[in-house]
């Protein structure tokens, strides 16, 4: 069982762009940050539910496919689920419609009490007020497979700071955003705890992997 993180970053380490609004809750630069990943064959099929078989192959698509491979449970923060954009909507079921791409139990870290939400494709959102350690213990009750910590930035930093992440993969797009939530804050010398490798994709995206 491996605890994994996979994130898209800008060159300056931004994982969540600034200027989020109710009309554009992911921020104006979100499309630039994830453009290459969303353009892969795997993500177009798994996230956008396209059945044309179109999309890029190569290095980016290989990492996109690995994003889903072997994951038995997911942990995410309230912002990734969308509570920051829809705080008072009792019917809010996440960004992903009726077919969330997770197809596994998802622990959403939040202080909002809500009953679990289940989908026919195997996705089940469960809402917890828990520490990283407790959330991980809960996820382990559901699976013997890998557990992915999906985000956002503060949740991932908490898991990294606690030494709970076995493998961190970041896809670094060659753009500078200048503003937003950065991943690396307060994680000085994180690399000392991992073996670090990198691979440059045809798109110019640099895939950096930190593995124990």
N, C-alpha and C. Protein backbone atom coordinates (compact mmCIF):
# COMPACT_ATOMS: atom_id res chain seq x y z
N UNK A 1 0.84 -1.19 0.00
CA UNK A 1 0.00 0.00 0.00
C UNK A 1 0.88 1.25 0.00
N UNK A 2 0.63 2.14 -0.93
CA UNK A 2 1.41 3.36 -1.07
C UNK A 2 0.50 4.57 -0.92
N UNK A 3 0.97 5.58 -0.19
CA UNK A 3 0.26 6.85 -0.10
C UNK A 3 0.86 7.79 -1.15
N UNK A 4 0.01 8.24 -2.07
CA UNK A 4 0.50 8.95 -3.25
C UNK A 4 -0.11 10.34 -3.36
N UNK A 5 0.65 11.22 -4.02
CA UNK A 5 0.16 12.55 -4.39
C UNK A 5 0.54 12.80 -5.83
N UNK A 6 -0.40 13.33 -6.64
CA UNK A 6 -0.13 13.73 -8.01
C UNK A 6 -0.72 15.12 -8.21
N UNK A 7 0.12 16.10 -8.57
CA UNK A 7 -0.35 17.48 -8.70
C UNK A 7 0.22 18.14 -9.95
N UNK A 8 -0.51 19.15 -10.43
CA UNK A 8 -0.02 20.03 -11.49
C UNK A 8 0.49 21.32 -10.86
N UNK A 9 1.70 21.72 -11.23
CA UNK A 9 2.31 22.93 -10.67
C UNK A 9 2.77 23.85 -11.80
N UNK A 10 2.87 25.14 -11.47
CA UNK A 10 3.55 26.08 -12.36
C UNK A 10 5.04 26.07 -12.01
N UNK A 11 5.85 26.78 -12.79
CA UNK A 11 7.28 26.85 -12.51
C UNK A 11 7.56 27.45 -11.14
N UNK A 12 6.70 28.36 -10.70
CA UNK A 12 6.89 28.98 -9.39
C UNK A 12 6.13 28.27 -8.28
N UNK A 13 5.72 27.03 -8.53
CA UNK A 13 5.18 26.18 -7.47
C UNK A 13 3.72 26.38 -7.13
N UNK A 14 2.98 27.14 -7.97
CA UNK A 14 1.57 27.37 -7.69
C UNK A 14 0.76 26.15 -8.09
N UNK A 15 -0.07 25.68 -7.16
CA UNK A 15 -0.92 24.51 -7.41
C UNK A 15 -2.39 24.91 -7.49
N UNK A 16 -2.75 26.06 -6.90
CA UNK A 16 -4.11 26.58 -6.95
C UNK A 16 -4.04 28.05 -7.32
N UNK A 17 -4.44 28.43 -8.54
CA UNK A 17 -4.31 29.82 -8.97
C UNK A 17 -5.14 30.77 -8.12
N UNK A 18 -4.75 32.04 -8.14
CA UNK A 18 -5.46 33.09 -7.42
C UNK A 18 -6.69 33.54 -8.20
N UNK A 19 -7.37 34.54 -7.67
CA UNK A 19 -8.52 35.18 -8.32
C UNK A 19 -9.69 34.22 -8.53
N UNK A 20 -9.94 33.38 -7.55
CA UNK A 20 -11.11 32.51 -7.62
C UNK A 20 -12.37 33.33 -7.33
N UNK A 21 -13.40 33.11 -8.13
CA UNK A 21 -14.67 33.81 -7.97
C UNK A 21 -15.81 32.80 -8.04
N UNK A 22 -17.02 33.17 -7.62
CA UNK A 22 -18.15 32.24 -7.77
C UNK A 22 -18.38 31.84 -9.22
N UNK A 23 -18.11 32.76 -10.15
CA UNK A 23 -18.29 32.45 -11.56
C UNK A 23 -17.13 31.61 -12.11
N UNK A 24 -15.96 31.74 -11.53
CA UNK A 24 -14.77 31.02 -11.99
C UNK A 24 -14.06 30.47 -10.75
N UNK A 25 -14.64 29.43 -10.12
CA UNK A 25 -14.16 29.01 -8.80
C UNK A 25 -12.77 28.39 -8.79
N UNK A 26 -12.23 28.00 -9.93
CA UNK A 26 -10.89 27.43 -9.97
C UNK A 26 -9.82 28.48 -10.24
N UNK A 27 -10.24 29.71 -10.55
CA UNK A 27 -9.27 30.76 -10.85
C UNK A 27 -9.01 30.88 -12.34
N UNK A 28 -8.67 32.08 -12.76
CA UNK A 28 -8.53 32.37 -14.19
C UNK A 28 -7.43 31.56 -14.86
N UNK A 29 -6.41 31.17 -14.09
CA UNK A 29 -5.26 30.48 -14.70
C UNK A 29 -5.34 28.96 -14.60
N UNK A 30 -6.44 28.44 -14.07
CA UNK A 30 -6.54 26.99 -13.90
C UNK A 30 -6.41 26.25 -15.23
N UNK A 31 -7.06 26.76 -16.26
CA UNK A 31 -6.99 26.12 -17.57
C UNK A 31 -5.58 26.04 -18.10
N UNK A 32 -4.79 27.09 -17.89
CA UNK A 32 -3.38 27.07 -18.32
C UNK A 32 -2.59 26.02 -17.56
N UNK A 33 -2.90 25.88 -16.27
CA UNK A 33 -2.12 24.97 -15.43
C UNK A 33 -2.35 23.51 -15.80
N UNK A 34 -3.58 23.16 -16.16
CA UNK A 34 -3.92 21.76 -16.41
C UNK A 34 -4.14 21.45 -17.89
N UNK A 35 -3.87 22.41 -18.76
CA UNK A 35 -4.17 22.25 -20.18
C UNK A 35 -3.56 20.98 -20.77
N UNK A 36 -2.31 20.73 -20.50
CA UNK A 36 -1.63 19.58 -21.09
C UNK A 36 -2.23 18.28 -20.57
N UNK A 37 -2.47 18.20 -19.26
CA UNK A 37 -3.00 16.97 -18.66
C UNK A 37 -4.41 16.67 -19.17
N UNK A 38 -5.25 17.71 -19.22
CA UNK A 38 -6.62 17.50 -19.67
C UNK A 38 -6.65 17.13 -21.15
N UNK A 39 -5.61 17.48 -21.87
CA UNK A 39 -5.54 17.13 -23.28
C UNK A 39 -5.11 15.71 -23.56
N UNK A 40 -4.72 14.95 -22.53
CA UNK A 40 -4.29 13.58 -22.76
C UNK A 40 -5.48 12.67 -23.04
N UNK A 41 -5.21 11.58 -23.70
CA UNK A 41 -6.26 10.61 -24.04
C UNK A 41 -6.92 10.07 -22.77
N UNK A 42 -6.11 9.77 -21.75
CA UNK A 42 -6.66 9.20 -20.52
C UNK A 42 -7.59 10.17 -19.82
N UNK A 43 -7.16 11.41 -19.65
CA UNK A 43 -7.98 12.37 -18.92
C UNK A 43 -9.24 12.76 -19.71
N UNK A 44 -9.14 12.81 -21.02
CA UNK A 44 -10.33 13.14 -21.80
C UNK A 44 -11.39 12.04 -21.68
N UNK A 45 -10.92 10.81 -21.56
CA UNK A 45 -11.86 9.70 -21.39
C UNK A 45 -12.37 9.61 -19.96
N UNK A 46 -11.47 9.69 -18.99
CA UNK A 46 -11.82 9.41 -17.60
C UNK A 46 -12.54 10.59 -16.94
N UNK A 47 -12.12 11.82 -17.24
CA UNK A 47 -12.67 13.00 -16.58
C UNK A 47 -13.75 13.67 -17.42
N UNK A 48 -13.49 13.81 -18.72
CA UNK A 48 -14.45 14.49 -19.60
C UNK A 48 -15.45 13.53 -20.22
N UNK A 49 -15.25 12.23 -20.02
CA UNK A 49 -16.17 11.19 -20.49
C UNK A 49 -16.30 11.18 -22.02
N UNK A 50 -15.21 11.50 -22.71
CA UNK A 50 -15.20 11.42 -24.16
C UNK A 50 -14.94 9.98 -24.59
N UNK A 51 -15.57 9.59 -25.67
CA UNK A 51 -15.43 8.21 -26.15
C UNK A 51 -14.83 8.16 -27.56
N UNK A 52 -14.25 9.27 -28.00
CA UNK A 52 -13.71 9.34 -29.36
C UNK A 52 -12.34 8.72 -29.48
N UNK A 53 -11.66 8.53 -28.35
CA UNK A 53 -10.29 8.03 -28.39
C UNK A 53 -9.28 9.09 -28.73
N UNK A 54 -9.71 10.35 -28.84
CA UNK A 54 -8.79 11.43 -29.16
C UNK A 54 -8.04 11.89 -27.91
N UNK A 55 -6.98 12.64 -28.14
CA UNK A 55 -6.15 13.13 -27.05
C UNK A 55 -4.70 12.74 -27.27
N UNK A 56 -3.81 13.39 -26.56
CA UNK A 56 -2.38 13.14 -26.74
C UNK A 56 -1.96 11.85 -26.06
N UNK A 57 -0.94 11.24 -26.62
CA UNK A 57 -0.33 10.06 -26.03
C UNK A 57 1.05 10.47 -25.49
N UNK A 58 1.97 9.55 -25.41
CA UNK A 58 3.32 9.89 -24.99
C UNK A 58 3.47 9.97 -23.48
N UNK A 59 4.46 10.74 -23.05
CA UNK A 59 4.85 10.77 -21.63
C UNK A 59 3.73 11.30 -20.76
N UNK A 60 3.08 12.39 -21.16
CA UNK A 60 2.01 12.97 -20.34
C UNK A 60 0.88 11.98 -20.12
N UNK A 61 0.51 11.27 -21.17
CA UNK A 61 -0.60 10.32 -21.04
C UNK A 61 -0.20 9.14 -20.16
N UNK A 62 1.06 8.76 -20.20
CA UNK A 62 1.51 7.66 -19.34
C UNK A 62 1.35 8.04 -17.86
N UNK A 63 1.71 9.27 -17.52
CA UNK A 63 1.53 9.71 -16.14
C UNK A 63 0.06 9.89 -15.80
N UNK A 64 -0.74 10.33 -16.76
CA UNK A 64 -2.18 10.47 -16.53
C UNK A 64 -2.81 9.12 -16.23
N UNK A 65 -2.41 8.08 -16.97
CA UNK A 65 -2.93 6.74 -16.72
C UNK A 65 -2.49 6.23 -15.35
N UNK A 66 -1.23 6.52 -14.98
CA UNK A 66 -0.72 6.08 -13.69
C UNK A 66 -1.44 6.77 -12.54
N UNK A 67 -2.00 7.95 -12.81
CA UNK A 67 -2.74 8.69 -11.78
C UNK A 67 -3.86 7.84 -11.20
N UNK A 68 -4.51 7.05 -12.04
CA UNK A 68 -5.64 6.25 -11.58
C UNK A 68 -5.26 4.82 -11.21
N UNK A 69 -4.13 4.34 -11.67
CA UNK A 69 -3.79 2.93 -11.55
C UNK A 69 -3.57 2.53 -10.10
N UNK A 70 -4.31 1.54 -9.64
CA UNK A 70 -4.07 0.95 -8.33
C UNK A 70 -4.60 1.72 -7.15
N UNK A 71 -5.33 2.82 -7.37
CA UNK A 71 -5.82 3.63 -6.26
C UNK A 71 -7.11 3.03 -5.71
N UNK A 72 -7.12 2.73 -4.42
CA UNK A 72 -8.28 2.12 -3.79
C UNK A 72 -9.09 3.08 -2.95
N UNK A 73 -8.52 4.26 -2.64
CA UNK A 73 -9.23 5.27 -1.86
C UNK A 73 -8.53 6.61 -2.05
N UNK A 74 -9.28 7.67 -1.82
CA UNK A 74 -8.77 9.04 -2.04
C UNK A 74 -9.08 9.88 -0.80
N UNK A 75 -8.18 10.85 -0.54
CA UNK A 75 -8.40 11.85 0.50
C UNK A 75 -8.27 13.22 -0.14
N UNK A 76 -9.24 14.11 0.14
CA UNK A 76 -9.16 15.46 -0.41
C UNK A 76 -9.70 16.45 0.61
N UNK A 77 -9.39 17.72 0.38
CA UNK A 77 -9.88 18.78 1.24
C UNK A 77 -11.24 19.29 0.78
N UNK A 78 -11.84 20.13 1.64
CA UNK A 78 -13.16 20.68 1.34
C UNK A 78 -13.14 21.54 0.09
N UNK A 79 -12.02 22.25 -0.15
CA UNK A 79 -11.93 23.09 -1.34
C UNK A 79 -11.91 22.29 -2.62
N UNK A 80 -11.21 21.17 -2.63
CA UNK A 80 -11.18 20.34 -3.82
C UNK A 80 -12.57 19.78 -4.14
N UNK A 81 -13.34 19.48 -3.09
CA UNK A 81 -14.70 19.01 -3.31
C UNK A 81 -15.62 20.14 -3.79
N UNK A 82 -15.27 21.38 -3.43
CA UNK A 82 -16.03 22.53 -3.91
C UNK A 82 -16.82 23.27 -2.87
N UNK A 83 -16.58 22.99 -1.57
CA UNK A 83 -17.35 23.68 -0.54
C UNK A 83 -17.07 25.18 -0.51
N UNK A 84 -15.87 25.60 -0.98
CA UNK A 84 -15.58 27.04 -0.98
C UNK A 84 -16.45 27.78 -1.98
N UNK A 85 -16.88 27.11 -3.04
CA UNK A 85 -17.69 27.75 -4.07
C UNK A 85 -19.18 27.57 -3.83
N UNK A 86 -19.55 26.49 -3.15
CA UNK A 86 -20.97 26.20 -2.90
C UNK A 86 -21.17 25.89 -1.41
N UNK A 87 -20.89 26.86 -0.53
CA UNK A 87 -20.89 26.57 0.91
C UNK A 87 -22.26 26.29 1.50
N UNK A 88 -23.31 26.79 0.86
CA UNK A 88 -24.63 26.69 1.47
C UNK A 88 -25.60 25.85 0.64
N UNK A 89 -25.08 25.07 -0.28
CA UNK A 89 -25.93 24.26 -1.15
C UNK A 89 -25.99 22.83 -0.63
N UNK A 90 -27.09 22.43 0.00
CA UNK A 90 -27.15 21.07 0.57
C UNK A 90 -27.18 19.99 -0.50
N UNK A 91 -27.44 20.37 -1.76
CA UNK A 91 -27.52 19.38 -2.83
C UNK A 91 -26.21 19.28 -3.63
N UNK A 92 -25.18 20.04 -3.22
CA UNK A 92 -23.92 20.01 -3.95
C UNK A 92 -23.28 18.63 -3.84
N UNK A 93 -22.91 18.05 -4.98
CA UNK A 93 -22.37 16.69 -5.04
C UNK A 93 -20.98 16.64 -5.65
N UNK A 94 -20.29 17.79 -5.69
CA UNK A 94 -18.94 17.84 -6.26
C UNK A 94 -18.96 18.31 -7.69
N UNK A 95 -17.76 18.57 -8.21
CA UNK A 95 -17.60 19.15 -9.55
C UNK A 95 -17.91 18.18 -10.68
N UNK A 96 -18.00 16.90 -10.42
CA UNK A 96 -17.80 15.90 -11.45
C UNK A 96 -19.09 15.30 -12.00
N UNK A 97 -20.25 15.84 -11.61
CA UNK A 97 -21.51 15.32 -12.12
C UNK A 97 -21.83 13.95 -11.55
N UNK A 98 -22.55 13.15 -12.35
CA UNK A 98 -23.01 11.85 -11.87
C UNK A 98 -21.99 10.74 -12.06
N UNK A 99 -20.83 11.05 -12.65
CA UNK A 99 -19.79 10.04 -12.84
C UNK A 99 -18.44 10.59 -12.40
N UNK A 100 -18.23 10.79 -11.11
CA UNK A 100 -16.91 11.23 -10.64
C UNK A 100 -15.84 10.25 -11.07
N UNK A 101 -14.63 10.73 -11.38
CA UNK A 101 -13.61 9.85 -11.94
C UNK A 101 -12.94 8.93 -10.93
N UNK A 102 -13.27 9.01 -9.66
CA UNK A 102 -12.51 8.29 -8.63
C UNK A 102 -12.85 6.80 -8.58
N UNK A 103 -14.13 6.46 -8.66
CA UNK A 103 -14.57 5.06 -8.66
C UNK A 103 -14.06 4.30 -7.44
N UNK A 104 -14.01 5.01 -6.30
CA UNK A 104 -13.51 4.44 -5.04
C UNK A 104 -13.99 5.33 -3.91
N UNK A 105 -13.85 4.89 -2.66
CA UNK A 105 -14.20 5.75 -1.54
C UNK A 105 -13.31 6.99 -1.48
N UNK A 106 -13.91 8.14 -1.18
CA UNK A 106 -13.19 9.41 -1.08
C UNK A 106 -13.49 10.04 0.27
N UNK A 107 -12.44 10.30 1.06
CA UNK A 107 -12.59 10.99 2.33
C UNK A 107 -12.44 12.48 2.10
N UNK A 108 -13.47 13.26 2.37
CA UNK A 108 -13.42 14.72 2.22
C UNK A 108 -13.23 15.33 3.60
N UNK A 109 -12.10 16.03 3.80
CA UNK A 109 -11.80 16.61 5.10
C UNK A 109 -12.52 17.94 5.25
N UNK A 110 -13.47 18.00 6.17
CA UNK A 110 -14.30 19.19 6.34
C UNK A 110 -14.95 19.15 7.71
N UNK A 111 -15.33 20.33 8.19
CA UNK A 111 -16.08 20.41 9.44
C UNK A 111 -17.59 20.46 9.18
N UNK A 112 -17.99 20.37 7.94
CA UNK A 112 -19.42 20.34 7.61
C UNK A 112 -19.94 18.91 7.76
N UNK A 113 -20.94 18.75 8.57
CA UNK A 113 -21.51 17.42 8.75
C UNK A 113 -22.49 17.14 7.61
N UNK A 114 -22.23 16.05 6.89
CA UNK A 114 -23.11 15.64 5.80
C UNK A 114 -23.12 14.13 5.72
N UNK A 115 -24.22 13.54 5.32
CA UNK A 115 -24.22 12.10 5.11
C UNK A 115 -23.40 11.75 3.88
N UNK A 116 -22.90 10.53 3.78
CA UNK A 116 -22.13 10.13 2.60
C UNK A 116 -22.96 10.24 1.32
N UNK A 117 -22.26 10.43 0.20
CA UNK A 117 -22.89 10.47 -1.12
C UNK A 117 -22.32 9.33 -1.94
N UNK A 118 -23.17 8.50 -2.50
CA UNK A 118 -22.72 7.36 -3.29
C UNK A 118 -23.17 7.48 -4.73
N UNK A 119 -22.29 7.00 -5.64
CA UNK A 119 -22.55 7.03 -7.07
C UNK A 119 -22.48 5.61 -7.62
N UNK A 120 -23.14 5.40 -8.72
CA UNK A 120 -23.25 4.05 -9.27
C UNK A 120 -21.91 3.51 -9.78
N UNK A 121 -20.94 4.39 -10.05
CA UNK A 121 -19.66 3.91 -10.57
C UNK A 121 -18.67 3.54 -9.47
N UNK A 122 -19.12 3.51 -8.21
CA UNK A 122 -18.25 3.10 -7.11
C UNK A 122 -17.69 4.24 -6.30
N UNK A 123 -17.85 5.47 -6.77
CA UNK A 123 -17.39 6.62 -5.99
C UNK A 123 -18.30 6.81 -4.78
N UNK A 124 -17.69 7.03 -3.63
CA UNK A 124 -18.45 7.30 -2.40
C UNK A 124 -17.74 8.40 -1.64
N UNK A 125 -18.38 9.57 -1.51
CA UNK A 125 -17.82 10.68 -0.74
C UNK A 125 -18.26 10.55 0.71
N UNK A 126 -17.26 10.55 1.61
CA UNK A 126 -17.53 10.51 3.04
C UNK A 126 -16.89 11.75 3.66
N UNK A 127 -17.57 12.45 4.54
CA UNK A 127 -17.15 13.75 5.04
C UNK A 127 -16.67 13.61 6.48
N UNK A 128 -15.40 14.02 6.72
CA UNK A 128 -14.75 13.79 8.00
C UNK A 128 -14.11 15.06 8.54
N UNK A 129 -14.20 15.26 9.84
CA UNK A 129 -13.36 16.23 10.54
C UNK A 129 -12.25 15.40 11.19
N UNK A 130 -11.07 15.36 10.57
CA UNK A 130 -10.05 14.42 11.01
C UNK A 130 -8.66 14.97 10.74
N UNK A 131 -7.69 14.51 11.51
CA UNK A 131 -6.29 14.80 11.25
C UNK A 131 -5.83 13.98 10.04
N UNK A 132 -4.68 14.33 9.45
CA UNK A 132 -4.16 13.50 8.36
C UNK A 132 -4.01 12.03 8.77
N UNK A 133 -3.52 11.80 9.97
CA UNK A 133 -3.32 10.42 10.42
C UNK A 133 -4.65 9.68 10.54
N UNK A 134 -5.65 10.35 11.08
CA UNK A 134 -6.95 9.70 11.25
C UNK A 134 -7.64 9.47 9.90
N UNK A 135 -7.50 10.44 9.00
CA UNK A 135 -8.09 10.28 7.67
C UNK A 135 -7.44 9.11 6.94
N UNK A 136 -6.14 8.98 7.08
CA UNK A 136 -5.43 7.87 6.44
C UNK A 136 -5.86 6.53 7.04
N UNK A 137 -6.04 6.50 8.33
CA UNK A 137 -6.50 5.26 8.97
C UNK A 137 -7.90 4.89 8.48
N UNK A 138 -8.75 5.89 8.32
CA UNK A 138 -10.10 5.62 7.81
C UNK A 138 -10.04 5.10 6.37
N UNK A 139 -9.21 5.71 5.53
CA UNK A 139 -9.09 5.25 4.14
C UNK A 139 -8.58 3.82 4.09
N UNK A 140 -7.70 3.45 5.00
CA UNK A 140 -7.15 2.09 5.01
C UNK A 140 -8.20 1.06 5.37
N UNK A 141 -9.28 1.49 6.02
CA UNK A 141 -10.36 0.55 6.31
C UNK A 141 -11.08 0.12 5.04
N UNK A 142 -10.95 0.91 3.97
CA UNK A 142 -11.67 0.64 2.74
C UNK A 142 -10.86 -0.14 1.72
N UNK A 143 -9.54 -0.13 1.82
CA UNK A 143 -8.75 -0.69 0.73
C UNK A 143 -7.41 -1.21 1.21
N UNK A 144 -6.90 -2.19 0.47
CA UNK A 144 -5.51 -2.62 0.63
C UNK A 144 -4.66 -2.07 -0.51
N UNK A 145 -5.30 -1.29 -1.40
CA UNK A 145 -4.58 -0.68 -2.50
C UNK A 145 -3.96 0.64 -2.10
N UNK A 146 -3.52 1.40 -3.11
CA UNK A 146 -2.90 2.69 -2.85
C UNK A 146 -3.95 3.71 -2.40
N UNK A 147 -3.50 4.70 -1.65
CA UNK A 147 -4.34 5.81 -1.22
C UNK A 147 -3.74 7.09 -1.79
N UNK A 148 -4.57 7.84 -2.50
CA UNK A 148 -4.11 9.09 -3.09
C UNK A 148 -4.61 10.27 -2.27
N UNK A 149 -3.71 11.20 -1.97
CA UNK A 149 -4.09 12.47 -1.37
C UNK A 149 -4.21 13.47 -2.51
N UNK A 150 -5.46 13.88 -2.79
CA UNK A 150 -5.70 14.63 -4.01
C UNK A 150 -5.44 16.11 -3.93
N UNK A 151 -5.57 16.73 -2.80
CA UNK A 151 -5.42 18.17 -2.68
C UNK A 151 -6.50 18.75 -1.83
N UNK A 152 -6.50 20.08 -1.67
CA UNK A 152 -5.63 21.05 -2.30
C UNK A 152 -4.29 21.19 -1.61
N UNK A 153 -3.68 22.35 -1.85
CA UNK A 153 -2.30 22.56 -1.44
C UNK A 153 -2.10 22.38 0.06
N UNK A 154 -2.97 22.95 0.88
CA UNK A 154 -2.77 22.88 2.33
C UNK A 154 -2.91 21.45 2.83
N UNK A 155 -3.83 20.69 2.26
CA UNK A 155 -4.00 19.29 2.66
C UNK A 155 -2.75 18.49 2.31
N UNK A 156 -2.25 18.67 1.10
CA UNK A 156 -1.04 17.94 0.70
C UNK A 156 0.15 18.35 1.56
N UNK A 157 0.31 19.64 1.84
CA UNK A 157 1.41 20.07 2.71
C UNK A 157 1.31 19.43 4.08
N UNK A 158 0.10 19.33 4.62
CA UNK A 158 -0.06 18.70 5.93
C UNK A 158 0.39 17.25 5.91
N UNK A 159 0.03 16.51 4.87
CA UNK A 159 0.43 15.11 4.77
C UNK A 159 1.94 14.98 4.56
N UNK A 160 2.51 15.86 3.76
CA UNK A 160 3.96 15.83 3.54
C UNK A 160 4.70 16.18 4.83
N UNK A 161 4.25 17.22 5.52
CA UNK A 161 4.92 17.64 6.75
C UNK A 161 4.87 16.55 7.81
N UNK A 162 3.79 15.77 7.79
CA UNK A 162 3.64 14.68 8.76
C UNK A 162 4.40 13.42 8.35
N UNK A 163 5.05 13.44 7.19
CA UNK A 163 5.82 12.29 6.74
C UNK A 163 4.97 11.12 6.30
N UNK A 164 3.75 11.38 5.81
CA UNK A 164 2.82 10.31 5.48
C UNK A 164 2.79 9.94 4.00
N UNK A 165 3.52 10.68 3.17
CA UNK A 165 3.45 10.46 1.72
C UNK A 165 4.63 9.61 1.26
N UNK A 166 4.33 8.52 0.57
CA UNK A 166 5.38 7.63 0.06
C UNK A 166 5.88 8.06 -1.31
N UNK A 167 4.98 8.59 -2.14
CA UNK A 167 5.38 9.01 -3.48
C UNK A 167 4.64 10.29 -3.87
N UNK A 168 5.41 11.29 -4.26
CA UNK A 168 4.88 12.57 -4.71
C UNK A 168 5.29 12.78 -6.15
N UNK A 169 4.30 12.96 -7.03
CA UNK A 169 4.57 13.27 -8.44
C UNK A 169 4.00 14.64 -8.74
N UNK A 170 4.83 15.52 -9.30
CA UNK A 170 4.36 16.84 -9.72
C UNK A 170 4.65 17.01 -11.20
N UNK A 171 3.63 17.46 -11.93
CA UNK A 171 3.77 17.77 -13.35
C UNK A 171 3.93 19.28 -13.46
N UNK A 172 5.13 19.74 -13.77
CA UNK A 172 5.45 21.16 -13.75
C UNK A 172 5.31 21.74 -15.14
N UNK A 173 4.29 22.57 -15.32
CA UNK A 173 4.05 23.23 -16.61
C UNK A 173 4.98 24.44 -16.74
N UNK A 174 5.49 24.70 -17.94
CA UNK A 174 6.44 25.80 -18.13
C UNK A 174 5.74 27.16 -18.20
N UNK A 175 5.03 27.50 -17.13
CA UNK A 175 4.35 28.80 -17.03
C UNK A 175 4.65 29.38 -15.66
N UNK A 176 4.62 30.70 -15.56
CA UNK A 176 4.81 31.41 -14.30
C UNK A 176 3.51 32.12 -13.97
N UNK A 177 2.91 31.78 -12.84
CA UNK A 177 1.63 32.37 -12.46
C UNK A 177 1.78 33.55 -11.51
N UNK A 178 2.79 33.52 -10.64
CA UNK A 178 3.06 34.68 -9.82
C UNK A 178 2.18 34.83 -8.59
N UNK A 179 1.01 34.23 -8.62
CA UNK A 179 0.07 34.33 -7.49
C UNK A 179 -0.66 33.01 -7.32
N UNK A 180 -1.10 32.77 -6.09
CA UNK A 180 -1.86 31.57 -5.81
C UNK A 180 -1.24 30.76 -4.68
N UNK A 181 -1.86 29.63 -4.37
CA UNK A 181 -1.37 28.75 -3.29
C UNK A 181 -0.20 27.93 -3.80
N UNK A 182 0.92 28.01 -3.11
CA UNK A 182 2.13 27.30 -3.50
C UNK A 182 2.28 26.01 -2.69
N UNK A 183 2.82 25.00 -3.35
CA UNK A 183 2.98 23.71 -2.68
C UNK A 183 4.13 23.70 -1.70
N UNK A 184 5.27 24.32 -2.04
CA UNK A 184 6.51 24.05 -1.33
C UNK A 184 6.69 24.87 -0.06
N UNK A 185 5.79 25.80 0.25
CA UNK A 185 5.95 26.63 1.45
C UNK A 185 6.08 25.76 2.70
N UNK A 186 7.08 26.08 3.53
CA UNK A 186 7.32 25.40 4.81
C UNK A 186 7.72 23.93 4.65
N UNK A 187 8.20 23.55 3.46
CA UNK A 187 8.65 22.18 3.23
C UNK A 187 10.14 22.15 2.86
N UNK A 188 10.91 23.01 3.46
CA UNK A 188 12.34 23.11 3.21
C UNK A 188 13.02 21.74 3.36
N UNK A 189 13.87 21.41 2.38
CA UNK A 189 14.67 20.18 2.35
C UNK A 189 13.82 18.91 2.33
N UNK A 190 12.61 19.03 1.82
CA UNK A 190 11.77 17.85 1.65
C UNK A 190 12.47 16.77 0.84
N UNK A 191 13.24 17.20 -0.15
CA UNK A 191 13.87 16.24 -1.07
C UNK A 191 14.84 15.30 -0.38
N UNK A 192 15.33 15.65 0.80
CA UNK A 192 16.28 14.80 1.51
C UNK A 192 15.64 13.47 1.94
N UNK A 193 14.32 13.43 2.00
CA UNK A 193 13.64 12.23 2.47
C UNK A 193 13.27 11.28 1.33
N UNK A 194 13.59 11.66 0.09
CA UNK A 194 13.14 10.89 -1.07
C UNK A 194 14.27 10.74 -2.09
N UNK A 195 14.10 9.72 -2.94
CA UNK A 195 14.88 9.64 -4.18
C UNK A 195 14.10 10.42 -5.24
N UNK A 196 14.76 11.35 -5.91
CA UNK A 196 14.08 12.26 -6.83
C UNK A 196 14.51 11.95 -8.27
N UNK A 197 13.53 11.77 -9.15
CA UNK A 197 13.79 11.57 -10.57
C UNK A 197 12.93 12.54 -11.37
N UNK A 198 13.33 12.79 -12.61
CA UNK A 198 12.56 13.70 -13.46
C UNK A 198 12.56 13.22 -14.89
N UNK A 199 11.52 13.62 -15.63
CA UNK A 199 11.36 13.23 -17.03
C UNK A 199 10.64 14.36 -17.75
N UNK A 200 11.16 14.75 -18.90
CA UNK A 200 10.56 15.84 -19.67
C UNK A 200 9.67 15.25 -20.77
N UNK A 201 8.43 15.69 -20.80
CA UNK A 201 7.48 15.21 -21.80
C UNK A 201 7.61 16.00 -23.10
N UNK A 202 6.98 15.47 -24.14
CA UNK A 202 7.00 16.13 -25.45
C UNK A 202 6.38 17.53 -25.37
N UNK A 203 5.48 17.74 -24.43
CA UNK A 203 4.78 19.01 -24.28
C UNK A 203 5.64 20.07 -23.62
N UNK A 204 6.76 19.69 -23.01
CA UNK A 204 7.56 20.60 -22.23
C UNK A 204 7.29 20.51 -20.74
N UNK A 205 6.25 19.77 -20.36
CA UNK A 205 5.97 19.53 -18.95
C UNK A 205 7.06 18.65 -18.35
N UNK A 206 7.53 19.03 -17.16
CA UNK A 206 8.56 18.24 -16.45
C UNK A 206 7.87 17.45 -15.35
N UNK A 207 7.99 16.14 -15.42
CA UNK A 207 7.40 15.26 -14.41
C UNK A 207 8.49 14.90 -13.39
N UNK A 208 8.30 15.38 -12.17
CA UNK A 208 9.27 15.13 -11.09
C UNK A 208 8.61 14.21 -10.07
N UNK A 209 9.32 13.14 -9.71
CA UNK A 209 8.79 12.15 -8.78
C UNK A 209 9.70 12.03 -7.57
N UNK A 210 9.12 12.16 -6.38
CA UNK A 210 9.81 11.96 -5.11
C UNK A 210 9.32 10.62 -4.56
N UNK A 211 10.20 9.65 -4.40
CA UNK A 211 9.79 8.32 -3.96
C UNK A 211 10.68 7.86 -2.81
N UNK A 212 10.07 7.25 -1.80
CA UNK A 212 10.85 6.70 -0.69
C UNK A 212 11.57 5.44 -1.14
